Amino acid sequence: MSDLVRLDIKEEHIAIVTMDRPTRAHALSKEMLDGLNEALRSIDKNESIYCTIITSTGEKAFCAGADLKERSRMTTEQEVMEAVHYIGDTLIAIERMKMPVIAAINGVAVGGGLELALACDLRIAADDVRLGLPETSLAIIPGAGGTQRLPRLIGPGHAKRLIYTAKPIRASEALSIGLIEQVVYGKDLLTEALFAAKTIAANGPVSLKMAKAAIDEGLQTNISSGLEIERKHYLKTVSTQDRTEGIAAFNDKRKPVYKGK
């Protein structure tokens, strides 16, 4: 594992991925991306993990996006595009993780940093953070999914305003337009993210996977096709041991013990 990324596995079926490059605001260098991908692969292979949190150290920055210092040393357009594609591919890997993923946004999240948060299922932010996509101020556009995921999340109007103006917004406004799902005091961020993750992980792990797949696949199509997608994934939960356990626990008025089977 890269020195820039830590992976901690909690007893409650939760993984925490922590970016640790505070001197560069956790910018997405190649080494950082290598570390993230290694962590993601490890998590996805671990059937005992039911929810993942992605965060970073410190309080100033969640992620400043692309490493512009590293980018400035690139001499060809091909090098630049390969770097952009690597960020984009990493975020696709986050988006396609089998279990729910929570972004615990502890500081500023701009450019690729906000795009990373957009690739997660849920976003919980400290109350003093700022979020934005400043790419047009650098004469480029968001290149790691921002022009696609953001309007799907908050609608085209708000997305165009953030992208066209290149101006960051505060956590309170981000909450009001649906960019993030929860705002908490900074000192409580990881506690609240862990509480959310534990609440999620207490539910049936197969059903969590199927719910995520049904939602994500359904968003790419019309409602009729989406309902068929839902039925397909619902069917995959019917024959599980967990479904039997869930019904038995409900009838016995006890907490279910799910095993992901």
Protein backbone atom coordinates (compact mmCIF):
# COMPACT_ATOMS: atom_id res chain seq x y z
CA MET A 1 0.00 0.00 0.00
CA SER A 2 1.24 3.50 -0.85
CA ASP A 3 2.41 5.68 2.05
CA LEU A 4 -0.14 8.23 0.80
CA VAL A 5 -3.19 6.03 1.43
CA ARG A 6 -4.20 4.14 4.58
CA LEU A 7 -6.73 1.31 4.73
CA ASP A 8 -8.33 0.41 8.06
CA ILE A 9 -10.83 -2.44 8.47
CA LYS A 10 -13.25 -2.03 11.37
CA GLU A 11 -14.94 -4.87 13.23
CA GLU A 12 -18.37 -3.64 12.15
CA HIS A 13 -17.79 -4.65 8.49
CA ILE A 14 -16.56 -1.16 7.59
CA ALA A 15 -13.48 -0.07 5.66
CA ILE A 16 -11.96 3.40 5.98
CA VAL A 17 -9.74 4.67 3.16
CA THR A 18 -7.74 7.72 4.25
CA MET A 19 -5.77 9.90 1.86
CA ASP A 20 -2.66 11.17 3.64
CA ARG A 21 -0.83 13.84 1.72
CA PRO A 22 -1.64 17.00 3.69
CA THR A 23 1.31 19.03 2.38
CA ARG A 24 -0.25 18.85 -1.12
CA ALA A 25 -3.89 19.04 0.02
CA HIS A 26 -4.21 15.32 -0.83
CA ALA A 27 -3.84 16.08 -4.54
CA LEU A 28 -4.31 13.13 -6.87
CA SER A 29 -0.78 12.36 -7.96
CA LYS A 30 -0.02 9.08 -9.71
CA GLU A 31 1.28 7.65 -6.44
CA MET A 32 -1.93 8.70 -4.65
CA LEU A 33 -4.05 7.12 -7.39
CA ASP A 34 -1.96 3.93 -7.26
CA GLY A 35 -2.61 3.74 -3.52
CA LEU A 36 -6.32 4.37 -3.89
CA ASN A 37 -6.67 1.67 -6.53
CA GLU A 38 -4.78 -0.82 -4.40
CA ALA A 39 -7.10 -0.08 -1.47
CA LEU A 40 -10.21 -0.36 -3.64
CA ARG A 41 -9.14 -3.73 -5.01
CA SER A 42 -8.43 -5.02 -1.52
CA ILE A 43 -11.85 -3.89 -0.27
CA ASP A 44 -13.78 -5.30 -3.19
CA LYS A 45 -12.16 -8.72 -2.67
CA ASN A 46 -13.10 -8.71 1.03
CA GLU A 47 -16.61 -10.14 1.36
CA SER A 48 -16.76 -9.13 5.03
CA ILE A 49 -16.86 -5.39 4.19
CA TYR A 50 -20.38 -4.03 3.83
CA CYS A 51 -19.68 -0.27 3.70
CA THR A 52 -16.67 1.94 2.91
CA ILE A 53 -15.74 5.47 4.01
CA ILE A 54 -13.31 7.61 2.01
CA THR A 55 -11.75 10.60 3.79
CA SER A 56 -8.40 12.31 4.35
CA THR A 57 -6.21 13.52 7.20
CA GLY A 58 -6.37 16.98 8.73
CA GLU A 59 -9.09 19.59 8.49
CA LYS A 60 -8.01 21.87 5.63
CA ALA A 61 -8.56 19.69 2.57
CA PHE A 62 -10.46 16.59 1.55
CA CYS A 63 -8.82 16.60 -1.87
CA ALA A 64 -7.59 19.42 -4.11
CA GLY A 65 -8.03 17.37 -7.27
CA ALA A 66 -5.32 16.84 -9.85
CA ASP A 67 -1.72 17.43 -8.81
CA LEU A 68 -1.03 20.54 -10.90
CA LYS A 69 2.67 20.52 -9.96
CA GLU A 70 2.98 17.02 -11.39
CA ARG A 71 0.82 18.04 -14.35
CA SER A 72 3.10 21.02 -15.14
CA ARG A 73 6.00 18.64 -15.77
CA MET A 74 4.12 16.84 -18.54
CA THR A 75 5.40 17.79 -21.97
CA THR A 76 2.79 16.29 -24.29
CA GLU A 77 -1.00 16.33 -24.60
CA GLN A 78 -0.95 12.54 -24.49
CA GLU A 79 0.67 12.59 -21.04
CA VAL A 80 -1.98 15.01 -19.81
CA MET A 81 -4.85 12.92 -21.20
CA GLU A 82 -3.41 9.74 -19.69
CA ALA A 83 -3.25 11.46 -16.29
CA VAL A 84 -6.83 12.69 -16.61
CA HIS A 85 -8.01 9.23 -17.68
CA TYR A 86 -6.28 7.65 -14.69
CA ILE A 87 -8.20 9.91 -12.33
CA GLY A 88 -11.44 9.18 -14.19
CA ASP A 89 -10.84 5.42 -14.17
CA THR A 90 -10.12 5.52 -10.44
CA LEU A 91 -13.39 7.32 -9.77
CA ILE A 92 -15.25 4.78 -11.91
CA ALA A 93 -13.70 2.08 -9.71
CA ILE A 94 -15.07 3.89 -6.63
CA GLU A 95 -18.49 4.23 -8.25
CA ARG A 96 -18.56 0.52 -9.15
CA MET A 97 -17.63 -0.77 -5.70
CA LYS A 98 -20.12 -3.43 -4.69
CA MET A 99 -21.01 -1.89 -1.34
CA PRO A 100 -22.22 1.62 -0.39
CA VAL A 101 -19.41 4.20 -0.22
CA ILE A 102 -19.50 7.34 1.94
CA ALA A 103 -17.33 10.40 1.30
CA ALA A 104 -16.46 12.04 4.63
CA ILE A 105 -15.47 15.49 3.39
CA ASN A 106 -13.24 17.03 6.06
CA GLY A 107 -12.00 20.06 4.12
CA VAL A 108 -12.03 21.79 0.77
CA ALA A 109 -13.10 19.53 -2.11
CA VAL A 110 -12.46 21.07 -5.51
CA GLY A 111 -11.92 19.82 -9.04
CA GLY A 112 -11.06 16.14 -9.01
CA GLY A 113 -11.59 16.15 -5.25
CA LEU A 114 -15.25 17.02 -5.65
CA GLU A 115 -15.48 14.60 -8.58
CA LEU A 116 -14.16 11.89 -6.24
CA ALA A 117 -16.93 12.69 -3.76
CA LEU A 118 -19.49 12.59 -6.59
CA ALA A 119 -18.41 9.02 -7.37
CA CYS A 120 -19.41 7.97 -3.85
CA ASP A 121 -22.95 7.00 -2.88
CA LEU A 122 -23.31 9.47 0.00
CA ARG A 123 -21.49 12.64 1.00
CA ILE A 124 -21.18 13.89 4.59
CA ALA A 125 -19.32 17.18 5.00
CA ALA A 126 -17.88 19.28 7.81
CA ASP A 127 -19.77 22.54 8.20
CA ASP A 128 -16.87 24.79 7.18
CA VAL A 129 -15.87 23.10 3.91
CA ARG A 130 -16.06 24.61 0.44
CA LEU A 131 -16.83 22.61 -2.67
CA GLY A 132 -16.50 23.49 -6.34
CA LEU A 133 -15.33 22.74 -9.84
CA PRO A 134 -12.85 25.50 -10.81
CA GLU A 135 -11.72 24.00 -14.11
CA THR A 136 -13.15 26.66 -16.42
CA SER A 137 -11.03 29.25 -14.61
CA LEU A 138 -8.04 27.23 -15.81
CA ALA A 139 -9.40 27.14 -19.38
CA ILE A 140 -10.36 23.45 -19.18
CA ILE A 141 -13.48 21.54 -18.10
CA PRO A 142 -14.05 18.89 -15.43
CA GLY A 143 -12.57 15.74 -16.92
CA ALA A 144 -13.19 13.01 -14.34
CA GLY A 145 -16.95 12.84 -14.47
CA GLY A 146 -17.96 16.25 -13.15
CA THR A 147 -19.97 17.30 -16.22
CA GLN A 148 -21.91 14.02 -16.06
CA ARG A 149 -22.35 13.07 -12.40
CA LEU A 150 -23.02 16.58 -11.08
CA PRO A 151 -26.09 17.38 -13.23
CA ARG A 152 -27.49 13.91 -12.53
CA LEU A 153 -27.19 14.64 -8.82
CA ILE A 154 -28.31 18.27 -8.53
CA GLY A 155 -29.93 19.03 -11.89
CA PRO A 156 -28.49 20.80 -14.94
CA GLY A 157 -29.15 24.36 -13.76
CA HIS A 158 -27.18 24.21 -10.53
CA ALA A 159 -24.49 22.08 -12.18
CA LYS A 160 -24.01 24.58 -14.99
CA ARG A 161 -23.84 27.45 -12.50
CA LEU A 162 -21.07 25.74 -10.52
CA ILE A 163 -19.12 24.73 -13.63
CA TYR A 164 -19.57 27.98 -15.60
CA THR A 165 -18.72 30.30 -12.68
CA ALA A 166 -15.93 28.08 -11.30
CA LYS A 167 -16.84 29.46 -7.86
CA PRO A 168 -16.90 27.20 -4.79
CA ILE A 169 -19.90 27.06 -2.46
CA ARG A 170 -20.20 26.49 1.27
CA ALA A 171 -21.45 23.29 2.84
CA SER A 172 -24.80 24.86 3.79
CA GLU A 173 -25.57 25.74 0.16
CA ALA A 174 -24.26 22.37 -1.03
CA LEU A 175 -26.75 20.72 1.33
CA SER A 176 -29.63 22.89 0.11
CA ILE A 177 -29.10 21.93 -3.55
CA GLY A 178 -28.52 18.24 -2.86
CA LEU A 179 -24.79 18.17 -3.55
CA ILE A 180 -24.19 16.63 -0.13
CA GLU A 181 -26.56 14.65 2.08
CA GLN A 182 -25.46 15.77 5.56
CA VAL A 183 -23.54 18.59 7.25
CA VAL A 184 -21.94 18.09 10.67
CA TYR A 185 -19.52 19.90 12.95
CA GLY A 186 -15.97 19.24 11.80
CA LYS A 187 -14.93 17.54 15.04
CA ASP A 188 -17.85 15.13 14.66
CA LEU A 189 -17.29 14.23 11.00
CA LEU A 190 -15.69 10.81 11.32
CA THR A 191 -17.98 9.87 14.21
CA GLU A 192 -21.04 10.73 12.14
CA ALA A 193 -19.67 8.99 9.06
CA LEU A 194 -18.99 5.87 11.12
CA PHE A 195 -22.48 6.01 12.60
CA ALA A 196 -23.97 6.18 9.10
CA ALA A 197 -21.72 3.33 7.94
CA LYS A 198 -22.65 1.16 10.94
CA THR A 199 -26.34 1.83 10.33
CA ILE A 200 -25.93 0.77 6.69
CA ALA A 201 -23.73 -2.24 7.48
CA ALA A 202 -26.29 -3.58 9.98
CA ASN A 203 -28.61 -4.35 7.06
CA GLY A 204 -28.46 -7.31 4.70
CA PRO A 205 -25.19 -7.10 2.73
CA VAL A 206 -26.62 -8.81 -0.35
CA SER A 207 -29.61 -6.46 -0.31
CA LEU A 208 -27.26 -3.47 -0.04
CA LYS A 209 -25.37 -4.64 -3.13
CA MET A 210 -28.60 -5.27 -5.04
CA ALA A 211 -30.14 -1.94 -4.00
CA LYS A 212 -27.02 -0.08 -5.16
CA ALA A 213 -26.96 -1.95 -8.47
CA ALA A 214 -30.68 -1.38 -9.07
CA ILE A 215 -30.45 2.35 -8.36
CA ASP A 216 -27.30 2.95 -10.39
CA GLU A 217 -28.41 0.88 -13.38
CA GLY A 218 -31.93 2.29 -13.27
CA LEU A 219 -30.68 5.88 -13.39
CA GLN A 220 -29.23 5.18 -16.83
CA THR A 221 -32.56 4.24 -18.42
CA ASN A 222 -36.32 4.94 -18.50
CA ILE A 223 -38.76 4.05 -15.72
CA SER A 224 -40.14 0.94 -17.44
CA SER A 225 -36.69 -0.52 -17.97
CA GLY A 226 -35.75 0.59 -14.47
CA LEU A 227 -38.62 -1.38 -12.95
CA GLU A 228 -37.42 -4.48 -14.79
CA ILE A 229 -33.93 -3.87 -13.42
CA GLU A 230 -35.41 -3.61 -9.92
CA ARG A 231 -37.27 -6.93 -10.32
CA LYS A 232 -34.09 -8.62 -11.56
CA HIS A 233 -32.11 -7.51 -8.52
CA TYR A 234 -34.96 -8.18 -6.09
CA LEU A 235 -35.03 -11.78 -7.33
CA LYS A 236 -31.38 -12.16 -6.35
CA THR A 237 -32.29 -11.48 -2.71
CA VAL A 238 -35.20 -13.93 -2.48
CA SER A 239 -33.19 -17.16 -2.20
CA THR A 240 -30.60 -15.84 0.27
CA GLN A 241 -30.09 -17.14 3.79
CA ASP A 242 -30.10 -13.52 4.93
CA ARG A 243 -33.70 -13.01 3.77
CA THR A 244 -34.79 -16.04 5.82
CA GLU A 245 -32.83 -14.72 8.79
CA GLY A 246 -34.35 -11.26 8.43
CA ILE A 247 -37.90 -12.61 8.54
CA ALA A 248 -37.10 -14.92 11.46
CA ALA A 249 -35.49 -12.08 13.42
CA PHE A 250 -38.49 -9.84 12.78
CA ASN A 251 -40.89 -12.52 14.03
CA ASP A 252 -38.68 -13.27 17.04
CA LYS A 253 -38.30 -9.54 17.81
CA ARG A 254 -34.50 -9.78 17.81
CA LYS A 255 -31.62 -8.24 15.90
CA PRO A 256 -30.82 -10.19 12.71
CA VAL A 257 -27.40 -11.75 12.18
CA TYR A 258 -26.59 -11.39 8.49
CA LYS A 259 -23.76 -13.30 6.81
CA GLY A 260 -23.96 -12.05 3.23
CA LYS A 261 -25.28 -15.36 1.95
